[in-house]
């Protein structure tokens, strides 16, 4: 676990992407569920929020459209919380490069 945390700390680009995606998903769920944004917890499972597989696929489709990249429709079942899904999307280096540009985030400096 410590190595995962230090790995993310060493890659500010991944952390920034993770934050952006998590923020979008919190807003999406708050609007969908008609609850205050403050009530959305990044570690609560989508199941717990009452999202069935159809709603999860819809969320991934909307996330795909927002990000402008193709996503596997079953990502939410493989990564069943905001934190898990955002982290998985930010962890893929090739996708991270694309998302850095699409989200207009500063590129991580290279040694």
PDB file of N, CA and C in Angstrom:
ATOM      1  N   UNK A   1       0.813  -1.179   0.000  1.00  0.00           N
ATOM      2  CA  UNK A   1       0.000   0.000   0.000  1.00  0.00           C
ATOM      3  C   UNK A   1       0.867   1.256   0.000  1.00  0.00           C
ATOM      4  N   UNK A   2       1.936   1.255   0.813  1.00  0.00           N
ATOM      5  CA  UNK A   2       2.831   2.400   0.826  1.00  0.00           C
ATOM      6  C   UNK A   2       3.454   2.651  -0.530  1.00  0.00           C
ATOM      7  N   UNK A   3       3.779   1.570  -1.257  1.00  0.00           N
ATOM      8  CA  UNK A   3       4.377   1.747  -2.584  1.00  0.00           C
ATOM      9  C   UNK A   3       3.382   2.358  -3.553  1.00  0.00           C
ATOM     10  N   UNK A   4       2.083   2.003  -3.429  1.00  0.00           N
ATOM     11  CA  UNK A   4       1.065   2.605  -4.288  1.00  0.00           C
ATOM     12  C   UNK A   4       0.955   4.097  -4.007  1.00  0.00           C
ATOM     13  N   UNK A   5       0.965   4.474  -2.731  1.00  0.00           N
ATOM     14  CA  UNK A   5       0.849   5.876  -2.383  1.00  0.00           C
ATOM     15  C   UNK A   5       2.064   6.660  -2.858  1.00  0.00           C
ATOM     16  N   UNK A   6       3.249   6.105  -2.685  1.00  0.00           N
ATOM     17  CA  UNK A   6       4.442   6.821  -3.127  1.00  0.00           C
ATOM     18  C   UNK A   6       4.522   6.861  -4.645  1.00  0.00           C
ATOM     19  N   UNK A   7       3.992   5.825  -5.305  1.00  0.00           N
ATOM     20  CA  UNK A   7       3.964   5.809  -6.771  1.00  0.00           C
ATOM     21  C   UNK A   7       3.084   6.939  -7.293  1.00  0.00           C
ATOM     22  N   UNK A   8       1.894   7.124  -6.692  1.00  0.00           N
ATOM     23  CA  UNK A   8       1.006   8.206  -7.107  1.00  0.00           C
ATOM     24  C   UNK A   8       1.627   9.555  -6.780  1.00  0.00           C
ATOM     25  N   UNK A   9       2.262   9.652  -5.622  1.00  0.00           N
ATOM     26  CA  UNK A   9       2.898  10.918  -5.248  1.00  0.00           C
ATOM     27  C   UNK A   9       4.006  11.265  -6.223  1.00  0.00           C
ATOM     28  N   UNK A  10       4.686  10.257  -6.764  1.00  0.00           N
ATOM     29  CA  UNK A  10       5.761  10.488  -7.713  1.00  0.00           C
ATOM     30  C   UNK A  10       5.227  10.883  -9.084  1.00  0.00           C
ATOM     31  N   UNK A  11       3.939  10.665  -9.350  1.00  0.00           N
ATOM     32  CA  UNK A  11       3.357  11.009 -10.635  1.00  0.00           C
ATOM     33  C   UNK A  11       2.204  11.988 -10.436  1.00  0.00           C
ATOM     34  N   UNK A  12       2.534  13.275 -10.391  1.00  0.00           N
ATOM     35  CA  UNK A  12       1.483  14.271 -10.178  1.00  0.00           C
ATOM     36  C   UNK A  12       0.453  14.283 -11.304  1.00  0.00           C
ATOM     37  N   UNK A  13       0.829  13.831 -12.493  1.00  0.00           N
ATOM     38  CA  UNK A  13      -0.122  13.772 -13.602  1.00  0.00           C
ATOM     39  C   UNK A  13      -1.234  12.785 -13.321  1.00  0.00           C
ATOM     40  N   UNK A  14      -0.880  11.612 -12.796  1.00  0.00           N
ATOM     41  CA  UNK A  14      -1.880  10.600 -12.462  1.00  0.00           C
ATOM     42  C   UNK A  14      -2.789  11.101 -11.349  1.00  0.00           C
ATOM     43  N   UNK A  15      -2.212  11.758 -10.352  1.00  0.00           N
ATOM     44  CA  UNK A  15      -3.003  12.275  -9.237  1.00  0.00           C
ATOM     45  C   UNK A  15      -3.983  13.347  -9.719  1.00  0.00           C
ATOM     46  N   UNK A  16      -3.538  14.211 -10.624  1.00  0.00           N
ATOM     47  CA  UNK A  16      -4.408  15.267 -11.154  1.00  0.00           C
ATOM     48  C   UNK A  16      -5.555  14.673 -11.962  1.00  0.00           C
ATOM     49  N   UNK A  17      -5.254  13.681 -12.780  1.00  0.00           N
ATOM     50  CA  UNK A  17      -6.298  13.023 -13.569  1.00  0.00           C
ATOM     51  C   UNK A  17      -7.281  12.329 -12.640  1.00  0.00           C
ATOM     52  N   UNK A  18      -6.763  11.636 -11.641  1.00  0.00           N
ATOM     53  CA  UNK A  18      -7.626  10.950 -10.682  1.00  0.00           C
ATOM     54  C   UNK A  18      -8.569  11.953 -10.006  1.00  0.00           C
ATOM     55  N   UNK A  19      -8.061  13.107  -9.593  1.00  0.00           N
ATOM     56  CA  UNK A  19      -8.888  14.139  -8.955  1.00  0.00           C
ATOM     57  C   UNK A  19      -9.969  14.658  -9.900  1.00  0.00           C
ATOM     58  N   UNK A  20      -9.587  14.928 -11.148  1.00  0.00           N
ATOM     59  CA  UNK A  20     -10.555  15.446 -12.127  1.00  0.00           C
ATOM     60  C   UNK A  20     -11.679  14.443 -12.384  1.00  0.00           C
ATOM     61  N   UNK A  21     -11.311  13.194 -12.589  1.00  0.00           N
ATOM     62  CA  UNK A  21     -12.310  12.159 -12.866  1.00  0.00           C
ATOM     63  C   UNK A  21     -13.202  11.947 -11.647  1.00  0.00           C
ATOM     64  N   UNK A  22     -12.607  11.887 -10.468  1.00  0.00           N
ATOM     65  CA  UNK A  22     -13.394  11.699  -9.239  1.00  0.00           C
ATOM     66  C   UNK A  22     -14.364  12.868  -9.047  1.00  0.00           C
ATOM     67  N   UNK A  23     -13.913  14.078  -9.326  1.00  0.00           N
ATOM     68  CA  UNK A  23     -14.781  15.248  -9.205  1.00  0.00           C
ATOM     69  C   UNK A  23     -15.963  15.176 -10.155  1.00  0.00           C
ATOM     70  N   UNK A  24     -15.698  14.759 -11.392  1.00  0.00           N
ATOM     71  CA  UNK A  24     -16.782  14.622 -12.367  1.00  0.00           C
ATOM     72  C   UNK A  24     -17.773  13.557 -11.893  1.00  0.00           C
ATOM     73  N   UNK A  25     -17.259  12.429 -11.411  1.00  0.00           N
ATOM     74  CA  UNK A  25     -18.143  11.343 -10.987  1.00  0.00           C
ATOM     75  C   UNK A  25     -18.959  11.736  -9.757  1.00  0.00           C
ATOM     76  N   UNK A  26     -18.382  12.488  -8.821  1.00  0.00           N
ATOM     77  CA  UNK A  26     -19.148  12.961  -7.660  1.00  0.00           C
ATOM     78  C   UNK A  26     -20.307  13.836  -8.125  1.00  0.00           C
ATOM     79  N   UNK A  27     -20.021  14.756  -9.037  1.00  0.00           N
ATOM     80  CA  UNK A  27     -21.073  15.619  -9.570  1.00  0.00           C
ATOM     81  C   UNK A  27     -22.137  14.835 -10.311  1.00  0.00           C
ATOM     82  N   UNK A  28     -21.707  13.870 -11.089  1.00  0.00           N
ATOM     83  CA  UNK A  28     -22.636  13.036 -11.855  1.00  0.00           C
ATOM     84  C   UNK A  28     -23.577  12.292 -10.913  1.00  0.00           C
ATOM     85  N   UNK A  29     -23.013  11.640  -9.899  1.00  0.00           N
ATOM     86  CA  UNK A  29     -23.844  10.866  -8.971  1.00  0.00           C
ATOM     87  C   UNK A  29     -24.765  11.765  -8.150  1.00  0.00           C
ATOM     88  N   UNK A  30     -24.261  12.916  -7.707  1.00  0.00           N
ATOM     89  CA  UNK A  30     -25.097  13.829  -6.937  1.00  0.00           C
ATOM     90  C   UNK A  30     -26.309  14.266  -7.751  1.00  0.00           C
ATOM     91  N   UNK A  31     -26.070  14.586  -9.017  1.00  0.00           N
ATOM     92  CA  UNK A  31     -27.174  14.997  -9.889  1.00  0.00           C
ATOM     93  C   UNK A  31     -28.120  13.834 -10.174  1.00  0.00           C
ATOM     94  N   UNK A  32     -27.573  12.692 -10.496  1.00  0.00           N
ATOM     95  CA  UNK A  32     -28.387  11.518 -10.812  1.00  0.00           C
ATOM     96  C   UNK A  32     -29.258  11.101  -9.623  1.00  0.00           C
ATOM     97  N   UNK A  33     -28.660  11.100  -8.443  1.00  0.00           N
ATOM     98  CA  UNK A  33     -29.351  10.636  -7.246  1.00  0.00           C
ATOM     99  C   UNK A  33     -30.106  11.747  -6.520  1.00  0.00           C
ATOM    100  N   UNK A  34     -29.932  12.989  -7.013  1.00  0.00           N
ATOM    101  CA  UNK A  34     -30.572  14.154  -6.421  1.00  0.00           C
ATOM    102  C   UNK A  34     -30.254  14.267  -4.931  1.00  0.00           C
ATOM    103  N   UNK A  35     -28.956  14.199  -4.645  1.00  0.00           N
ATOM    104  CA  UNK A  35     -28.483  14.368  -3.273  1.00  0.00           C
ATOM    105  C   UNK A  35     -27.356  15.408  -3.284  1.00  0.00           C
ATOM    106  N   UNK A  36     -27.101  16.038  -2.136  1.00  0.00           N
ATOM    107  CA  UNK A  36     -26.024  17.029  -2.089  1.00  0.00           C
ATOM    108  C   UNK A  36     -24.668  16.400  -2.401  1.00  0.00           C
ATOM    109  N   UNK A  37     -23.854  17.148  -3.097  1.00  0.00           N
ATOM    110  CA  UNK A  37     -22.511  16.707  -3.474  1.00  0.00           C
ATOM    111  C   UNK A  37     -21.716  16.240  -2.255  1.00  0.00           C
ATOM    112  N   UNK A  38     -21.898  16.902  -1.136  1.00  0.00           N
ATOM    113  CA  UNK A  38     -21.158  16.566   0.079  1.00  0.00           C
ATOM    114  C   UNK A  38     -21.478  15.162   0.597  1.00  0.00           C
ATOM    115  N   UNK A  39     -22.599  14.588   0.177  1.00  0.00           N
ATOM    116  CA  UNK A  39     -22.989  13.252   0.633  1.00  0.00           C
ATOM    117  C   UNK A  39     -22.361  12.135  -0.198  1.00  0.00           C
ATOM    118  N   UNK A  40     -21.673  12.503  -1.256  1.00  0.00           N
ATOM    119  CA  UNK A  40     -21.031  11.501  -2.109  1.00  0.00           C
ATOM    120  C   UNK A  40     -19.658  11.180  -1.535  1.00  0.00           C
ATOM    121  N   UNK A  41     -19.426   9.910  -1.286  1.00  0.00           N
ATOM    122  CA  UNK A  41     -18.156   9.441  -0.731  1.00  0.00           C
ATOM    123  C   UNK A  41     -17.413   8.640  -1.797  1.00  0.00           C
ATOM    124  N   UNK A  42     -16.150   8.951  -2.002  1.00  0.00           N
ATOM    125  CA  UNK A  42     -15.364   8.300  -3.055  1.00  0.00           C
ATOM    126  C   UNK A  42     -15.170   6.804  -2.838  1.00  0.00           C
ATOM    127  N   UNK A  43     -15.309   6.330  -1.612  1.00  0.00           N
ATOM    128  CA  UNK A  43     -15.075   4.913  -1.334  1.00  0.00           C
ATOM    129  C   UNK A  43     -16.350   4.083  -1.234  1.00  0.00           C
ATOM    130  N   UNK A  44     -17.507   4.718  -1.322  1.00  0.00           N
ATOM    131  CA  UNK A  44     -18.775   3.990  -1.286  1.00  0.00           C
ATOM    132  C   UNK A  44     -19.003   3.342  -2.639  1.00  0.00           C
ATOM    133  N   UNK A  45     -19.426   2.090  -2.614  1.00  0.00           N
ATOM    134  CA  UNK A  45     -19.616   1.363  -3.875  1.00  0.00           C
ATOM    135  C   UNK A  45     -20.808   1.928  -4.652  1.00  0.00           C
ATOM    136  N   UNK A  46     -20.719   1.814  -5.957  1.00  0.00           N
ATOM    137  CA  UNK A  46     -21.817   2.247  -6.817  1.00  0.00           C
ATOM    138  C   UNK A  46     -23.086   1.480  -6.466  1.00  0.00           C
ATOM    139  N   UNK A  47     -22.922   0.224  -6.114  1.00  0.00           N
ATOM    140  CA  UNK A  47     -24.035  -0.619  -5.659  1.00  0.00           C
ATOM    141  C   UNK A  47     -24.772   0.032  -4.495  1.00  0.00           C
ATOM    142  N   UNK A  48     -23.999   0.492  -3.554  1.00  0.00           N
ATOM    143  CA  UNK A  48     -24.541   1.101  -2.338  1.00  0.00           C
ATOM    144  C   UNK A  48     -25.356   2.350  -2.660  1.00  0.00           C
ATOM    145  N   UNK A  49     -24.990   3.038  -3.739  1.00  0.00           N
ATOM    146  CA  UNK A  49     -25.751   4.200  -4.181  1.00  0.00           C
ATOM    147  C   UNK A  49     -26.987   3.802  -4.984  1.00  0.00           C
ATOM    148  N   UNK A  50     -27.162   2.499  -5.196  1.00  0.00           N
ATOM    149  CA  UNK A  50     -28.337   2.016  -5.908  1.00  0.00           C
ATOM    150  C   UNK A  50     -28.173   1.934  -7.415  1.00  0.00           C
ATOM    151  N   UNK A  51     -26.927   2.048  -7.902  1.00  0.00           N
ATOM    152  CA  UNK A  51     -26.706   1.928  -9.341  1.00  0.00           C
ATOM    153  C   UNK A  51     -26.690   0.457  -9.729  1.00  0.00           C
ATOM    154  N   UNK A  52     -27.601   0.070 -10.584  1.00  0.00           N
ATOM    155  CA  UNK A  52     -27.584  -1.288 -11.106  1.00  0.00           C
ATOM    156  C   UNK A  52     -26.664  -1.315 -12.320  1.00  0.00           C
ATOM    157  N   UNK A  53     -26.562  -2.465 -12.955  1.00  0.00           N
ATOM    158  CA  UNK A  53     -25.617  -2.581 -14.075  1.00  0.00           C
ATOM    159  C   UNK A  53     -25.980  -1.651 -15.221  1.00  0.00           C
ATOM    160  N   UNK A  54     -27.254  -1.461 -15.483  1.00  0.00           N
ATOM    161  CA  UNK A  54     -27.675  -0.579 -16.570  1.00  0.00           C
ATOM    162  C   UNK A  54     -27.279   0.874 -16.267  1.00  0.00           C
ATOM    163  N   UNK A  55     -27.514   1.321 -15.031  1.00  0.00           N
ATOM    164  CA  UNK A  55     -27.140   2.687 -14.656  1.00  0.00           C
ATOM    165  C   UNK A  55     -25.623   2.857 -14.674  1.00  0.00           C
ATOM    166  N   UNK A  56     -24.893   1.822 -14.277  1.00  0.00           N
ATOM    167  CA  UNK A  56     -23.419   1.888 -14.291  1.00  0.00           C
ATOM    168  C   UNK A  56     -22.891   1.999 -15.715  1.00  0.00           C
ATOM    169  N   UNK A  57     -23.477   1.238 -16.626  1.00  0.00           N
ATOM    170  CA  UNK A  57     -23.068   1.319 -18.031  1.00  0.00           C
ATOM    171  C   UNK A  57     -23.382   2.712 -18.582  1.00  0.00           C
ATOM    172  N   UNK A  58     -24.523   3.262 -18.196  1.00  0.00           N
ATOM    173  CA  UNK A  58     -24.870   4.623 -18.616  1.00  0.00           C
ATOM    174  C   UNK A  58     -23.880   5.642 -18.096  1.00  0.00           C
ATOM    175  N   UNK A  59     -23.468   5.478 -16.835  1.00  0.00           N
ATOM    176  CA  UNK A  59     -22.484   6.388 -16.249  1.00  0.00           C
ATOM    177  C   UNK A  59     -21.158   6.300 -17.007  1.00  0.00           C
ATOM    178  N   UNK A  60     -20.733   5.080 -17.319  1.00  0.00           N
ATOM    179  CA  UNK A  60     -19.474   4.907 -18.058  1.00  0.00           C
ATOM    180  C   UNK A  60     -19.593   5.540 -19.440  1.00  0.00           C
ATOM    181  N   UNK A  61     -20.745   5.410 -20.073  1.00  0.00           N
ATOM    182  CA  UNK A  61     -20.959   6.046 -21.378  1.00  0.00           C
ATOM    183  C   UNK A  61     -20.852   7.561 -21.295  1.00  0.00           C
ATOM    184  N   UNK A  62     -21.437   8.140 -20.261  1.00  0.00           N
ATOM    185  CA  UNK A  62     -21.358   9.593 -20.078  1.00  0.00           C
ATOM    186  C   UNK A  62     -19.927  10.025 -19.734  1.00  0.00           C
ATOM    187  N   UNK A  63     -19.247   9.222 -18.925  1.00  0.00           N
ATOM    188  CA  UNK A  63     -17.841   9.511 -18.595  1.00  0.00           C
ATOM    189  C   UNK A  63     -16.977   9.425 -19.851  1.00  0.00           C
ATOM    190  N   UNK A  64     -17.244   8.426 -20.669  1.00  0.00           N
ATOM    191  CA  UNK A  64     -16.525   8.249 -21.931  1.00  0.00           C
ATOM    192  C   UNK A  64     -16.700   9.485 -22.816  1.00  0.00           C
ATOM    193  N   UNK A  65     -17.920   9.976 -22.881  1.00  0.00           N
ATOM    194  CA  UNK A  65     -18.193  11.168 -23.695  1.00  0.00           C
ATOM    195  C   UNK A  65     -17.472  12.389 -23.125  1.00  0.00           C
ATOM    196  N   UNK A  66     -17.501  12.555 -21.814  1.00  0.00           N
ATOM    197  CA  UNK A  66     -16.830  13.693 -21.175  1.00  0.00           C
ATOM    198  C   UNK A  66     -15.320  13.642 -21.384  1.00  0.00           C
ATOM    199  N   UNK A  67     -14.750  12.446 -21.256  1.00  0.00           N
ATOM    200  CA  UNK A  67     -13.299  12.301 -21.411  1.00  0.00           C
ATOM    201  C   UNK A  67     -12.853  12.304 -22.870  1.00  0.00           C
ATOM    202  N   UNK A  68     -13.760  11.903 -23.758  1.00  0.00           N
ATOM    203  CA  UNK A  68     -13.399  11.819 -25.167  1.00  0.00           C
ATOM    204  C   UNK A  68     -12.529  10.622 -25.490  1.00  0.00           C
ATOM    205  N   UNK A  69     -12.623   9.582 -24.669  1.00  0.00           N
ATOM    206  CA  UNK A  69     -11.882   8.345 -24.918  1.00  0.00           C
ATOM    207  C   UNK A  69     -12.828   7.164 -24.753  1.00  0.00           C
ATOM    208  N   UNK A  70     -12.545   6.105 -25.486  1.00  0.00           N
ATOM    209  CA  UNK A  70     -13.368   4.903 -25.411  1.00  0.00           C
ATOM    210  C   UNK A  70     -13.072   4.155 -24.110  1.00  0.00           C
ATOM    211  N   UNK A  71     -14.140   3.764 -23.419  1.00  0.00           N
ATOM    212  CA  UNK A  71     -14.012   3.031 -22.169  1.00  0.00           C
ATOM    213  C   UNK A  71     -14.809   1.732 -22.241  1.00  0.00           C
ATOM    214  N   UNK A  72     -14.337   0.732 -21.540  1.00  0.00           N
ATOM    215  CA  UNK A  72     -15.043  -0.539 -21.446  1.00  0.00           C
ATOM    216  C   UNK A  72     -16.304  -0.332 -20.613  1.00  0.00           C
ATOM    217  N   UNK A  73     -17.472  -0.700 -21.128  1.00  0.00           N
ATOM    218  CA  UNK A  73     -18.724  -0.468 -20.400  1.00  0.00           C
ATOM    219  C   UNK A  73     -18.801  -1.144 -19.027  1.00  0.00           C
ATOM    220  N   UNK A  74     -17.995  -2.165 -18.783  1.00  0.00           N
ATOM    221  CA  UNK A  74     -18.061  -2.862 -17.491  1.00  0.00           C
ATOM    222  C   UNK A  74     -17.031  -2.348 -16.486  1.00  0.00           C
ATOM    223  N   UNK A  75     -16.394  -1.219 -16.764  1.00  0.00           N
ATOM    224  CA  UNK A  75     -15.394  -0.674 -15.842  1.00  0.00           C
ATOM    225  C   UNK A  75     -15.930  -0.476 -14.429  1.00  0.00           C
ATOM    226  N   UNK A  76     -17.192  -0.053 -14.311  1.00  0.00           N
ATOM    227  CA  UNK A  76     -17.749   0.207 -12.984  1.00  0.00           C
ATOM    228  C   UNK A  76     -17.915  -1.069 -12.172  1.00  0.00           C
ATOM    229  N   UNK A  77     -18.110  -2.192 -12.824  1.00  0.00           N
ATOM    230  CA  UNK A  77     -18.203  -3.434 -12.051  1.00  0.00           C
ATOM    231  C   UNK A  77     -16.812  -3.936 -11.678  1.00  0.00           C
ATOM    232  N   UNK A  78     -15.819  -3.650 -12.495  1.00  0.00           N
ATOM    233  CA  UNK A  78     -14.435  -4.030 -12.178  1.00  0.00           C
ATOM    234  C   UNK A  78     -13.818  -3.103 -11.128  1.00  0.00           C
ATOM    235  N   UNK A  79     -14.258  -1.859 -11.103  1.00  0.00           N
ATOM    236  CA  UNK A  79     -13.736  -0.838 -10.184  1.00  0.00           C
ATOM    237  C   UNK A  79     -14.955  -0.146  -9.559  1.00  0.00           C
ATOM    238  N   UNK A  80     -15.527  -0.728  -8.500  1.00  0.00           N
ATOM    239  CA  UNK A  80     -16.878  -0.381  -8.038  1.00  0.00           C
ATOM    240  C   UNK A  80     -17.046   0.839  -7.129  1.00  0.00           C
ATOM    241  N   UNK A  81     -16.129   1.777  -7.166  1.00  0.00           N
ATOM    242  CA  UNK A  81     -16.310   3.019  -6.410  1.00  0.00           C
ATOM    243  C   UNK A  81     -15.664   4.154  -7.204  1.00  0.00           C
ATOM    244  N   UNK A  82     -15.980   5.360  -6.815  1.00  0.00           N
ATOM    245  CA  UNK A  82     -15.396   6.521  -7.484  1.00  0.00           C
ATOM    246  C   UNK A  82     -13.874   6.451  -7.417  1.00  0.00           C
ATOM    247  N   UNK A  83     -13.335   6.219  -6.213  1.00  0.00           N
ATOM    248  CA  UNK A  83     -11.885   6.199  -6.052  1.00  0.00           C
ATOM    249  C   UNK A  83     -11.248   5.081  -6.892  1.00  0.00           C
ATOM    250  N   UNK A  84     -11.840   3.897  -6.840  1.00  0.00           N
ATOM    251  CA  UNK A  84     -11.269   2.764  -7.572  1.00  0.00           C
ATOM    252  C   UNK A  84     -11.299   3.005  -9.078  1.00  0.00           C
ATOM    253  N   UNK A  85     -12.397   3.541  -9.582  1.00  0.00           N
ATOM    254  CA  UNK A  85     -12.519   3.777 -11.020  1.00  0.00           C
ATOM    255  C   UNK A  85     -11.604   4.904 -11.476  1.00  0.00           C
ATOM    256  N   UNK A  86     -11.584   6.004 -10.729  1.00  0.00           N
ATOM    257  CA  UNK A  86     -10.714   7.131 -11.093  1.00  0.00           C
ATOM    258  C   UNK A  86      -9.249   6.713 -11.063  1.00  0.00           C
ATOM    259  N   UNK A  87      -8.882   5.948 -10.058  1.00  0.00           N
ATOM    260  CA  UNK A  87      -7.503   5.483  -9.925  1.00  0.00           C
ATOM    261  C   UNK A  87      -7.137   4.555 -11.089  1.00  0.00           C
ATOM    262  N   UNK A  88      -8.033   3.661 -11.454  1.00  0.00           N
ATOM    263  CA  UNK A  88      -7.761   2.734 -12.562  1.00  0.00           C
ATOM    264  C   UNK A  88      -7.583   3.487 -13.875  1.00  0.00           C
ATOM    265  N   UNK A  89      -8.421   4.476 -14.106  1.00  0.00           N
ATOM    266  CA  UNK A  89      -8.304   5.252 -15.350  1.00  0.00           C
ATOM    267  C   UNK A  89      -7.016   6.064 -15.386  1.00  0.00           C
ATOM    268  N   UNK A  90      -6.610   6.594 -14.242  1.00  0.00           N
ATOM    269  CA  UNK A  90      -5.391   7.406 -14.183  1.00  0.00           C
ATOM    270  C   UNK A  90      -4.124   6.554 -14.210  1.00  0.00           C
ATOM    271  N   UNK A  91      -4.245   5.269 -13.885  1.00  0.00           N
ATOM    272  CA  UNK A  91      -3.065   4.411 -13.776  1.00  0.00           C
ATOM    273  C   UNK A  91      -2.496   3.985 -15.126  1.00  0.00           C
ATOM    274  N   UNK A  92      -3.314   3.934 -16.154  1.00  0.00           N
ATOM    275  CA  UNK A  92      -2.865   3.490 -17.472  1.00  0.00           C
ATOM    276  C   UNK A  92      -2.066   4.611 -18.138  1.00  0.00           C
ATOM    277  N   UNK A  93      -0.768   4.371 -18.365  1.00  0.00           N
ATOM    278  CA  UNK A  93       0.117   5.437 -18.852  1.00  0.00           C
ATOM    279  C   UNK A  93      -0.303   5.993 -20.210  1.00  0.00           C
ATOM    280  N   UNK A  94      -0.681   5.137 -21.131  1.00  0.00           N
ATOM    281  CA  UNK A  94      -1.082   5.617 -22.464  1.00  0.00           C
ATOM    282  C   UNK A  94      -2.351   6.465 -22.362  1.00  0.00           C
ATOM    283  N   UNK A  95      -3.319   5.992 -21.583  1.00  0.00           N
ATOM    284  CA  UNK A  95      -4.547   6.748 -21.395  1.00  0.00           C
ATOM    285  C   UNK A  95      -4.252   8.048 -20.643  1.00  0.00           C
ATOM    286  N   UNK A  96      -3.321   8.007 -19.685  1.00  0.00           N
ATOM    287  CA  UNK A  96      -2.979   9.189 -18.895  1.00  0.00           C
ATOM    288  C   UNK A  96      -2.448  10.311 -19.787  1.00  0.00           C
ATOM    289  N   UNK A  97      -1.620   9.971 -20.764  1.00  0.00           N
ATOM    290  CA  UNK A  97      -1.099  10.987 -21.685  1.00  0.00           C
ATOM    291  C   UNK A  97      -2.229  11.646 -22.458  1.00  0.00           C
ATOM    292  N   UNK A  98      -3.150  10.850 -22.938  1.00  0.00           N
ATOM    293  CA  UNK A  98      -4.288  11.371 -23.686  1.00  0.00           C
ATOM    294  C   UNK A  98      -5.183  12.227 -22.795  1.00  0.00           C
ATOM    295  N   UNK A  99      -5.466  11.731 -21.593  1.00  0.00           N
ATOM    296  CA  UNK A  99      -6.344  12.472 -20.685  1.00  0.00           C
ATOM    297  C   UNK A  99      -5.710  13.766 -20.207  1.00  0.00           C
ATOM    298  N   UNK A 100      -4.398  13.788 -20.048  1.00  0.00           N
ATOM    299  CA  UNK A 100      -3.716  15.022 -19.654  1.00  0.00           C
ATOM    300  C   UNK A 100      -4.005  16.112 -20.674  1.00  0.00           C
ATOM    301  N   UNK A 101      -3.964  15.746 -21.946  1.00  0.00           N
ATOM    302  CA  UNK A 101      -4.259  16.719 -23.008  1.00  0.00           C
ATOM    303  C   UNK A 101      -5.742  17.084 -23.020  1.00  0.00           C
ATOM    304  N   UNK A 102      -6.600  16.077 -22.964  1.00  0.00           N
ATOM    305  CA  UNK A 102      -8.047  16.330 -23.056  1.00  0.00           C
ATOM    306  C   UNK A 102      -8.575  17.134 -21.875  1.00  0.00           C
ATOM    307  N   UNK A 103      -8.034  16.889 -20.688  1.00  0.00           N
ATOM    308  CA  UNK A 103      -8.478  17.615 -19.497  1.00  0.00           C
ATOM    309  C   UNK A 103      -7.707  18.909 -19.299  1.00  0.00           C
ATOM    310  N   UNK A 104      -6.768  19.164 -20.211  1.00  0.00           N
ATOM    311  CA  UNK A 104      -5.937  20.384 -20.193  1.00  0.00           C
ATOM    312  C   UNK A 104      -5.195  20.541 -18.867  1.00  0.00           C
ATOM    313  N   UNK A 105      -4.598  19.444 -18.438  1.00  0.00           N
ATOM    314  CA  UNK A 105      -3.795  19.444 -17.219  1.00  0.00           C
ATOM    315  C   UNK A 105      -2.330  19.652 -17.599  1.00  0.00           C
ATOM    316  N   UNK A 106      -1.562  20.235 -16.713  1.00  0.00           N
ATOM    317  CA  UNK A 106      -0.127  20.376 -17.009  1.00  0.00           C
ATOM    318  C   UNK A 106       0.525  19.005 -17.072  1.00  0.00           C
ATOM    319  N   UNK A 107       1.345  18.793 -18.062  1.00  0.00           N
ATOM    320  CA  UNK A 107       2.047  17.518 -18.204  1.00  0.00           C
ATOM    321  C   UNK A 107       3.064  17.369 -17.078  1.00  0.00           C
ATOM    322  N   UNK A 108       3.217  16.139 -16.614  1.00  0.00           N
ATOM    323  CA  UNK A 108       4.218  15.872 -15.562  1.00  0.00           C
ATOM    324  C   UNK A 108       5.593  16.110 -16.161  1.00  0.00           C
ATOM    325  N   UNK A 109       6.454  16.704 -15.374  1.00  0.00           N
ATOM    326  CA  UNK A 109       7.805  16.949 -15.879  1.00  0.00           C
ATOM    327  C   UNK A 109       8.578  15.654 -15.937  1.00  0.00           C
ATOM    328  N   UNK A 110       9.379  15.523 -16.929  1.00  0.00           N
ATOM    329  CA  UNK A 110      10.192  14.320 -17.139  1.00  0.00           C
ATOM    330  C   UNK A 110      11.610  14.608 -16.651  1.00  0.00           C
ATOM    331  N   UNK A 111      12.244  13.629 -16.025  1.00  0.00           N
ATOM    332  CA  UNK A 111      13.630  13.847 -15.563  1.00  0.00           C
ATOM    333  C   UNK A 111      14.586  14.022 -16.710  1.00  0.00           C
TER     334      UNK A 111
END
